[in-house]
């Protein structure tokens, strides 16, 4: 955890009709000083979209060789590697070699589209890679829900995501750029 990290307490209730996963997770999420509310909330939604009893947040921005979220098997192998933003093709290649499933959640509108256009050709050989984009409008609305103490309800059905909190509701339509996440 970064020395000046801001701690967020999150009660995350997930109803994922696509995967038949229904659970509430109590998360303590450290927000790195350089992390925006938008990235923090994308991280929480990414957690919800990959939720599993063994899924956990990592040190994230504080550590170069760890993803933002991971799931390890009982014997310590990396089952799922979840990264946010625009990782280099080198980072993607290394991640795909380390984990059974790698999911990248780029965001940022046109910047994310340019990143994907640049690296998508080098990702064709990775069958374990999934790239799921969020629109800038969706992540901007999501950032407005950020709070130090949050009770979030995330509903996932037919690939669409609804995030609700006391302050409002955000409807998101993730777009699969590679693989089926």
C-alpha atoms as a PDB file:
ATOM      1  CA  UNK A   1       0.000   0.000   0.000  1.00  0.00           C
ATOM      2  CA  UNK A   2       1.314   3.452  -0.891  1.00  0.00           C
ATOM      3  CA  UNK A   3       2.316   5.578   2.074  1.00  0.00           C
ATOM      4  CA  UNK A   4      -0.239   8.321   1.363  1.00  0.00           C
ATOM      5  CA  UNK A   5      -2.969   6.052   0.008  1.00  0.00           C
ATOM      6  CA  UNK A   6      -6.576   6.961   0.698  1.00  0.00           C
ATOM      7  CA  UNK A   7      -8.556   4.068   2.127  1.00  0.00           C
ATOM      8  CA  UNK A   8     -12.017   3.345   0.730  1.00  0.00           C
ATOM      9  CA  UNK A   9     -14.381   0.917   2.435  1.00  0.00           C
ATOM     10  CA  UNK A  10     -16.630  -0.788  -0.090  1.00  0.00           C
ATOM     11  CA  UNK A  11     -19.547  -3.116   0.462  1.00  0.00           C
ATOM     12  CA  UNK A  12     -19.939  -4.619  -2.996  1.00  0.00           C
ATOM     13  CA  UNK A  13     -23.068  -6.664  -3.670  1.00  0.00           C
ATOM     14  CA  UNK A  14     -22.801  -8.534  -6.966  1.00  0.00           C
ATOM     15  CA  UNK A  15     -25.634 -10.128  -8.907  1.00  0.00           C
ATOM     16  CA  UNK A  16     -24.082 -11.596 -12.052  1.00  0.00           C
ATOM     17  CA  UNK A  17     -26.897 -13.321 -13.910  1.00  0.00           C
ATOM     18  CA  UNK A  18     -24.534 -14.256 -16.770  1.00  0.00           C
ATOM     19  CA  UNK A  19     -22.258 -16.324 -14.503  1.00  0.00           C
ATOM     20  CA  UNK A  20     -24.814 -17.124 -11.760  1.00  0.00           C
ATOM     21  CA  UNK A  21     -22.652 -15.456  -9.142  1.00  0.00           C
ATOM     22  CA  UNK A  22     -24.416 -13.742  -6.227  1.00  0.00           C
ATOM     23  CA  UNK A  23     -22.291 -12.541  -3.349  1.00  0.00           C
ATOM     24  CA  UNK A  24     -21.422  -9.551  -1.191  1.00  0.00           C
ATOM     25  CA  UNK A  25     -17.758  -8.625  -0.760  1.00  0.00           C
ATOM     26  CA  UNK A  26     -16.466  -6.256   1.897  1.00  0.00           C
ATOM     27  CA  UNK A  27     -13.416  -4.602   0.361  1.00  0.00           C
ATOM     28  CA  UNK A  28     -10.813  -2.255   1.751  1.00  0.00           C
ATOM     29  CA  UNK A  29      -9.425  -0.504  -1.310  1.00  0.00           C
ATOM     30  CA  UNK A  30      -6.304   1.632  -1.141  1.00  0.00           C
ATOM     31  CA  UNK A  31      -6.400   4.497  -3.635  1.00  0.00           C
ATOM     32  CA  UNK A  32      -2.866   5.410  -4.714  1.00  0.00           C
ATOM     33  CA  UNK A  33      -2.152   9.182  -4.624  1.00  0.00           C
ATOM     34  CA  UNK A  34      -1.828   9.220  -8.428  1.00  0.00           C
ATOM     35  CA  UNK A  35      -5.043   7.223  -8.962  1.00  0.00           C
ATOM     36  CA  UNK A  36      -8.169   9.055 -10.103  1.00  0.00           C
ATOM     37  CA  UNK A  37     -11.707   8.361  -8.884  1.00  0.00           C
ATOM     38  CA  UNK A  38     -12.422   7.092 -12.396  1.00  0.00           C
ATOM     39  CA  UNK A  39      -9.680   4.451 -12.201  1.00  0.00           C
ATOM     40  CA  UNK A  40     -10.685   3.465  -8.671  1.00  0.00           C
ATOM     41  CA  UNK A  41     -14.262   2.848  -9.763  1.00  0.00           C
ATOM     42  CA  UNK A  42     -13.198   0.969 -12.916  1.00  0.00           C
ATOM     43  CA  UNK A  43     -11.098  -1.246 -10.633  1.00  0.00           C
ATOM     44  CA  UNK A  44     -14.143  -2.000  -8.474  1.00  0.00           C
ATOM     45  CA  UNK A  45     -16.320  -2.761 -11.518  1.00  0.00           C
ATOM     46  CA  UNK A  46     -13.564  -4.988 -12.939  1.00  0.00           C
ATOM     47  CA  UNK A  47     -13.534  -6.827  -9.601  1.00  0.00           C
ATOM     48  CA  UNK A  48     -17.314  -7.313  -9.849  1.00  0.00           C
ATOM     49  CA  UNK A  49     -17.114  -8.545 -13.441  1.00  0.00           C
ATOM     50  CA  UNK A  50     -14.550 -11.197 -12.465  1.00  0.00           C
ATOM     51  CA  UNK A  51     -15.819 -11.887  -8.956  1.00  0.00           C
ATOM     52  CA  UNK A  52     -14.839 -15.163  -7.355  1.00  0.00           C
ATOM     53  CA  UNK A  53     -14.236 -16.215  -3.772  1.00  0.00           C
ATOM     54  CA  UNK A  54     -10.456 -16.176  -4.367  1.00  0.00           C
ATOM     55  CA  UNK A  55     -10.293 -12.916  -6.341  1.00  0.00           C
ATOM     56  CA  UNK A  56      -8.420 -10.121  -4.574  1.00  0.00           C
ATOM     57  CA  UNK A  57      -7.104  -6.622  -5.078  1.00  0.00           C
ATOM     58  CA  UNK A  58      -3.304  -6.355  -5.253  1.00  0.00           C
ATOM     59  CA  UNK A  59      -0.928  -3.512  -4.501  1.00  0.00           C
ATOM     60  CA  UNK A  60      -1.695  -2.312  -8.034  1.00  0.00           C
ATOM     61  CA  UNK A  61       0.002   0.967  -8.936  1.00  0.00           C
ATOM     62  CA  UNK A  62       2.512   0.515  -6.132  1.00  0.00           C
ATOM     63  CA  UNK A  63       4.011  -2.600  -7.753  1.00  0.00           C
ATOM     64  CA  UNK A  64       5.152  -3.051 -11.358  1.00  0.00           C
ATOM     65  CA  UNK A  65       5.030  -6.848 -11.532  1.00  0.00           C
ATOM     66  CA  UNK A  66       1.494  -7.325 -10.195  1.00  0.00           C
ATOM     67  CA  UNK A  67      -1.850  -6.735 -11.868  1.00  0.00           C
ATOM     68  CA  UNK A  68      -4.577  -4.607 -10.296  1.00  0.00           C
ATOM     69  CA  UNK A  69      -6.593  -7.702  -9.387  1.00  0.00           C
ATOM     70  CA  UNK A  70      -5.727 -11.371  -9.371  1.00  0.00           C
ATOM     71  CA  UNK A  71      -7.086 -14.761  -8.550  1.00  0.00           C
ATOM     72  CA  UNK A  72      -4.743 -17.503  -7.442  1.00  0.00           C
ATOM     73  CA  UNK A  73      -5.475 -21.198  -7.212  1.00  0.00           C
ATOM     74  CA  UNK A  74      -5.189 -22.990  -3.894  1.00  0.00           C
ATOM     75  CA  UNK A  75      -1.715 -24.152  -4.946  1.00  0.00           C
ATOM     76  CA  UNK A  76      -0.586 -20.596  -5.769  1.00  0.00           C
ATOM     77  CA  UNK A  77      -0.796 -20.513  -9.582  1.00  0.00           C
ATOM     78  CA  UNK A  78      -2.252 -17.404 -11.188  1.00  0.00           C
ATOM     79  CA  UNK A  79      -5.682 -18.245 -12.574  1.00  0.00           C
ATOM     80  CA  UNK A  80      -6.825 -14.713 -13.468  1.00  0.00           C
ATOM     81  CA  UNK A  81      -4.766 -11.552 -14.063  1.00  0.00           C
ATOM     82  CA  UNK A  82      -6.808  -8.337 -14.352  1.00  0.00           C
ATOM     83  CA  UNK A  83      -5.118  -5.142 -15.523  1.00  0.00           C
ATOM     84  CA  UNK A  84      -6.561  -1.663 -16.036  1.00  0.00           C
ATOM     85  CA  UNK A  85      -5.541   1.022 -18.462  1.00  0.00           C
ATOM     86  CA  UNK A  86      -3.217   0.723 -21.426  1.00  0.00           C
ATOM     87  CA  UNK A  87      -0.446  -1.814 -20.735  1.00  0.00           C
ATOM     88  CA  UNK A  88       2.400  -2.238 -23.205  1.00  0.00           C
ATOM     89  CA  UNK A  89       2.508  -5.253 -25.487  1.00  0.00           C
ATOM     90  CA  UNK A  90       5.495  -6.463 -23.412  1.00  0.00           C
ATOM     91  CA  UNK A  91       3.404  -6.387 -20.208  1.00  0.00           C
ATOM     92  CA  UNK A  92       0.545  -8.189 -21.975  1.00  0.00           C
ATOM     93  CA  UNK A  93       2.926 -10.850 -23.305  1.00  0.00           C
ATOM     94  CA  UNK A  94       4.411 -11.424 -19.817  1.00  0.00           C
ATOM     95  CA  UNK A  95       0.960 -11.493 -18.204  1.00  0.00           C
ATOM     96  CA  UNK A  96      -0.336 -14.063 -20.699  1.00  0.00           C
ATOM     97  CA  UNK A  97       2.664 -16.252 -19.853  1.00  0.00           C
ATOM     98  CA  UNK A  98       1.998 -16.037 -16.119  1.00  0.00           C
ATOM     99  CA  UNK A  99      -1.788 -16.522 -15.867  1.00  0.00           C
ATOM    100  CA  UNK A 100      -4.394 -18.880 -17.282  1.00  0.00           C
ATOM    101  CA  UNK A 101      -6.684 -15.912 -18.102  1.00  0.00           C
ATOM    102  CA  UNK A 102      -5.699 -12.273 -18.607  1.00  0.00           C
ATOM    103  CA  UNK A 103      -8.329  -9.536 -18.758  1.00  0.00           C
ATOM    104  CA  UNK A 104      -7.411  -5.968 -19.679  1.00  0.00           C
ATOM    105  CA  UNK A 105      -9.900  -3.146 -19.109  1.00  0.00           C
ATOM    106  CA  UNK A 106      -8.763  -0.120 -21.125  1.00  0.00           C
ATOM    107  CA  UNK A 107     -10.656   3.132 -20.728  1.00  0.00           C
ATOM    108  CA  UNK A 108     -10.135   6.719 -21.763  1.00  0.00           C
ATOM    109  CA  UNK A 109     -12.039   7.090 -25.013  1.00  0.00           C
ATOM    110  CA  UNK A 110      -9.965   7.890 -28.080  1.00  0.00           C
ATOM    111  CA  UNK A 111      -6.681   7.223 -26.245  1.00  0.00           C
ATOM    112  CA  UNK A 112      -7.784   3.635 -25.540  1.00  0.00           C
ATOM    113  CA  UNK A 113      -8.871   3.165 -29.157  1.00  0.00           C
ATOM    114  CA  UNK A 114      -5.473   4.361 -30.429  1.00  0.00           C
ATOM    115  CA  UNK A 115      -3.698   2.035 -27.945  1.00  0.00           C
ATOM    116  CA  UNK A 116      -5.750  -0.942 -29.156  1.00  0.00           C
ATOM    117  CA  UNK A 117      -5.172  -0.128 -32.840  1.00  0.00           C
ATOM    118  CA  UNK A 118      -1.429  -0.067 -32.123  1.00  0.00           C
ATOM    119  CA  UNK A 119      -1.142  -3.365 -30.193  1.00  0.00           C
ATOM    120  CA  UNK A 120      -4.017  -5.589 -31.350  1.00  0.00           C
ATOM    121  CA  UNK A 121      -1.924  -7.224 -34.072  1.00  0.00           C
ATOM    122  CA  UNK A 122       0.648  -8.398 -31.529  1.00  0.00           C
ATOM    123  CA  UNK A 123      -2.054  -9.983 -29.326  1.00  0.00           C
ATOM    124  CA  UNK A 124      -3.547 -12.449 -31.837  1.00  0.00           C
ATOM    125  CA  UNK A 125      -1.455 -15.367 -30.549  1.00  0.00           C
ATOM    126  CA  UNK A 126      -2.777 -15.080 -26.989  1.00  0.00           C
ATOM    127  CA  UNK A 127      -5.903 -17.214 -26.640  1.00  0.00           C
ATOM    128  CA  UNK A 128      -6.032 -16.469 -22.897  1.00  0.00           C
ATOM    129  CA  UNK A 129      -6.256 -12.673 -23.411  1.00  0.00           C
ATOM    130  CA  UNK A 130      -9.534 -10.773 -23.120  1.00  0.00           C
ATOM    131  CA  UNK A 131      -9.754  -7.030 -23.735  1.00  0.00           C
ATOM    132  CA  UNK A 132     -12.936  -5.281 -22.587  1.00  0.00           C
ATOM    133  CA  UNK A 133     -13.328  -1.551 -23.172  1.00  0.00           C
ATOM    134  CA  UNK A 134     -15.424   0.925 -21.206  1.00  0.00           C
ATOM    135  CA  UNK A 135     -16.572   4.136 -22.883  1.00  0.00           C
ATOM    136  CA  UNK A 136     -15.362   7.457 -21.563  1.00  0.00           C
ATOM    137  CA  UNK A 137     -18.961   8.499 -20.847  1.00  0.00           C
ATOM    138  CA  UNK A 138     -19.521   5.355 -18.742  1.00  0.00           C
ATOM    139  CA  UNK A 139     -16.338   5.706 -16.687  1.00  0.00           C
ATOM    140  CA  UNK A 140     -16.876   9.445 -16.227  1.00  0.00           C
ATOM    141  CA  UNK A 141     -20.343   8.778 -14.791  1.00  0.00           C
ATOM    142  CA  UNK A 142     -18.919   5.990 -12.641  1.00  0.00           C
ATOM    143  CA  UNK A 143     -16.312   8.340 -11.137  1.00  0.00           C
ATOM    144  CA  UNK A 144     -19.099  10.513  -9.752  1.00  0.00           C
ATOM    145  CA  UNK A 145     -20.212   7.625  -7.516  1.00  0.00           C
ATOM    146  CA  UNK A 146     -16.826   7.453  -5.752  1.00  0.00           C
ATOM    147  CA  UNK A 147     -16.884   7.966  -2.014  1.00  0.00           C
ATOM    148  CA  UNK A 148     -14.687   6.981   0.967  1.00  0.00           C
ATOM    149  CA  UNK A 149     -17.423   4.658   2.200  1.00  0.00           C
ATOM    150  CA  UNK A 150     -19.552   3.002  -0.466  1.00  0.00           C
ATOM    151  CA  UNK A 151     -22.358   0.499  -0.668  1.00  0.00           C
ATOM    152  CA  UNK A 152     -22.474  -0.560  -4.287  1.00  0.00           C
ATOM    153  CA  UNK A 153     -24.840  -2.936  -6.033  1.00  0.00           C
ATOM    154  CA  UNK A 154     -23.548  -4.295  -9.334  1.00  0.00           C
ATOM    155  CA  UNK A 155     -25.961  -6.164 -11.575  1.00  0.00           C
ATOM    156  CA  UNK A 156     -24.637  -7.908 -14.667  1.00  0.00           C
ATOM    157  CA  UNK A 157     -26.969  -9.343 -17.276  1.00  0.00           C
ATOM    158  CA  UNK A 158     -26.458 -10.057 -20.984  1.00  0.00           C
ATOM    159  CA  UNK A 159     -23.059  -8.379 -20.752  1.00  0.00           C
ATOM    160  CA  UNK A 160     -24.490  -5.059 -19.533  1.00  0.00           C
ATOM    161  CA  UNK A 161     -23.482  -3.683 -16.146  1.00  0.00           C
ATOM    162  CA  UNK A 162     -25.585  -1.565 -13.787  1.00  0.00           C
ATOM    163  CA  UNK A 163     -23.820   0.035 -10.843  1.00  0.00           C
ATOM    164  CA  UNK A 164     -25.987   1.650  -8.198  1.00  0.00           C
ATOM    165  CA  UNK A 165     -25.065   3.574  -5.087  1.00  0.00           C
ATOM    166  CA  UNK A 166     -26.815   6.055  -2.833  1.00  0.00           C
ATOM    167  CA  UNK A 167     -25.768   8.841  -5.192  1.00  0.00           C
ATOM    168  CA  UNK A 168     -27.187   7.332  -8.351  1.00  0.00           C
ATOM    169  CA  UNK A 169     -27.118   4.634 -11.004  1.00  0.00           C
ATOM    170  CA  UNK A 170     -24.702   4.131 -13.896  1.00  0.00           C
ATOM    171  CA  UNK A 171     -25.490   1.835 -16.815  1.00  0.00           C
ATOM    172  CA  UNK A 172     -22.423   0.527 -18.619  1.00  0.00           C
ATOM    173  CA  UNK A 173     -22.067  -1.457 -21.828  1.00  0.00           C
ATOM    174  CA  UNK A 174     -18.614  -3.036 -21.937  1.00  0.00           C
ATOM    175  CA  UNK A 175     -17.341  -3.746 -25.460  1.00  0.00           C
ATOM    176  CA  UNK A 176     -15.329  -6.922 -26.019  1.00  0.00           C
ATOM    177  CA  UNK A 177     -12.357  -6.023 -28.208  1.00  0.00           C
ATOM    178  CA  UNK A 178     -10.755  -9.459 -27.879  1.00  0.00           C
ATOM    179  CA  UNK A 179     -12.069 -12.720 -26.490  1.00  0.00           C
ATOM    180  CA  UNK A 180     -15.191 -13.199 -24.439  1.00  0.00           C
ATOM    181  CA  UNK A 181     -14.622 -11.948 -20.890  1.00  0.00           C
END
